């Protein structure tokens, strides 16, 4: 069965949108989607001007749980480094 590359790119863009909504800086994050398996590479950190008390790691874990419930997503692997600055 051939892969639907356009659908994979769309899911990857939805994942990036979720990270942006959470107030995280993902300018150095690479989101790769192959067959519904999403892999995160790079750096995730707090956005400039964000003064919330919640840790970045807690936000990322909550987002990964939300992303796993998206249609078309099988699994999420986080290989990104988290910076708490």
Protein backbone atom coordinates (compact mmCIF):
# COMPACT_ATOMS: atom_id res chain seq x y z
CA UNK A 1 0.00 0.00 0.00
CA UNK A 2 1.54 3.36 -0.99
CA UNK A 3 2.21 6.01 1.63
CA UNK A 4 0.13 9.18 1.58
CA UNK A 5 2.90 11.75 1.88
CA UNK A 6 0.55 14.74 1.89
CA UNK A 7 -1.41 13.33 4.83
CA UNK A 8 1.84 12.64 6.72
CA UNK A 9 2.99 16.24 6.20
CA UNK A 10 -0.37 17.54 7.35
CA UNK A 11 -0.20 15.51 10.58
CA UNK A 12 3.35 16.78 11.21
CA UNK A 13 2.11 20.36 10.78
CA UNK A 14 -0.74 19.70 13.22
CA UNK A 15 1.81 18.43 15.75
CA UNK A 16 3.88 21.61 15.34
CA UNK A 17 0.70 23.68 15.78
CA UNK A 18 -0.06 21.92 19.08
CA UNK A 19 3.42 22.74 20.39
CA UNK A 20 2.99 26.39 19.40
CA UNK A 21 -0.36 26.59 21.18
CA UNK A 22 1.28 25.35 24.38
CA UNK A 23 3.68 28.31 24.46
CA UNK A 24 6.81 26.38 23.58
CA UNK A 25 9.70 27.48 21.36
CA UNK A 26 10.10 24.79 18.71
CA UNK A 27 12.27 26.74 16.28
CA UNK A 28 14.95 24.05 16.65
CA UNK A 29 12.56 21.06 16.60
CA UNK A 30 12.23 18.61 13.73
CA UNK A 31 8.95 16.68 13.49
CA UNK A 32 9.12 13.52 11.35
CA UNK A 33 6.04 11.46 10.52
CA UNK A 34 6.45 8.11 8.78
CA UNK A 35 3.35 5.97 8.60
CA UNK A 36 1.77 7.58 11.64
CA UNK A 37 4.88 7.14 13.81
CA UNK A 38 5.94 10.63 14.89
CA UNK A 39 9.50 11.28 16.00
CA UNK A 40 10.67 14.54 17.59
CA UNK A 41 14.32 15.63 17.20
CA UNK A 42 16.09 18.77 18.38
CA UNK A 43 15.43 21.21 21.23
CA UNK A 44 12.23 22.27 23.00
CA UNK A 45 12.25 25.23 25.35
CA UNK A 46 10.02 27.85 26.91
CA UNK A 47 8.89 30.62 24.55
CA UNK A 48 10.25 34.10 25.19
CA UNK A 49 8.04 36.08 27.51
CA UNK A 50 6.37 33.00 29.01
CA UNK A 51 6.11 33.39 32.79
CA UNK A 52 4.00 30.35 33.67
CA UNK A 53 5.07 28.19 36.60
CA UNK A 54 4.50 24.88 34.79
CA UNK A 55 7.67 23.11 33.73
CA UNK A 56 8.48 22.56 30.08
CA UNK A 57 8.80 18.82 30.61
CA UNK A 58 5.29 18.61 32.08
CA UNK A 59 3.88 20.51 29.10
CA UNK A 60 5.69 18.27 26.62
CA UNK A 61 4.41 15.11 28.31
CA UNK A 62 0.86 16.47 28.28
CA UNK A 63 1.20 17.37 24.59
CA UNK A 64 2.53 13.92 23.69
CA UNK A 65 -0.55 12.37 25.33
CA UNK A 66 -2.78 14.74 23.34
CA UNK A 67 -0.94 14.01 20.08
CA UNK A 68 -1.28 10.24 20.56
CA UNK A 69 -5.08 10.71 20.48
CA UNK A 70 -5.01 12.52 17.12
CA UNK A 71 -6.43 10.56 14.19
CA UNK A 72 -3.73 8.97 12.05
CA UNK A 73 -1.09 8.89 14.81
CA UNK A 74 0.16 5.50 15.96
CA UNK A 75 3.00 6.43 18.30
CA UNK A 76 5.14 9.38 19.39
CA UNK A 77 8.85 9.06 20.12
CA UNK A 78 10.52 12.01 21.82
CA UNK A 79 14.25 12.29 21.07
CA UNK A 80 14.28 16.04 21.69
CA UNK A 81 16.17 17.71 24.50
CA UNK A 82 14.14 19.84 26.86
CA UNK A 83 15.56 23.13 28.15
CA UNK A 84 13.99 24.67 31.26
CA UNK A 85 15.16 28.24 30.78
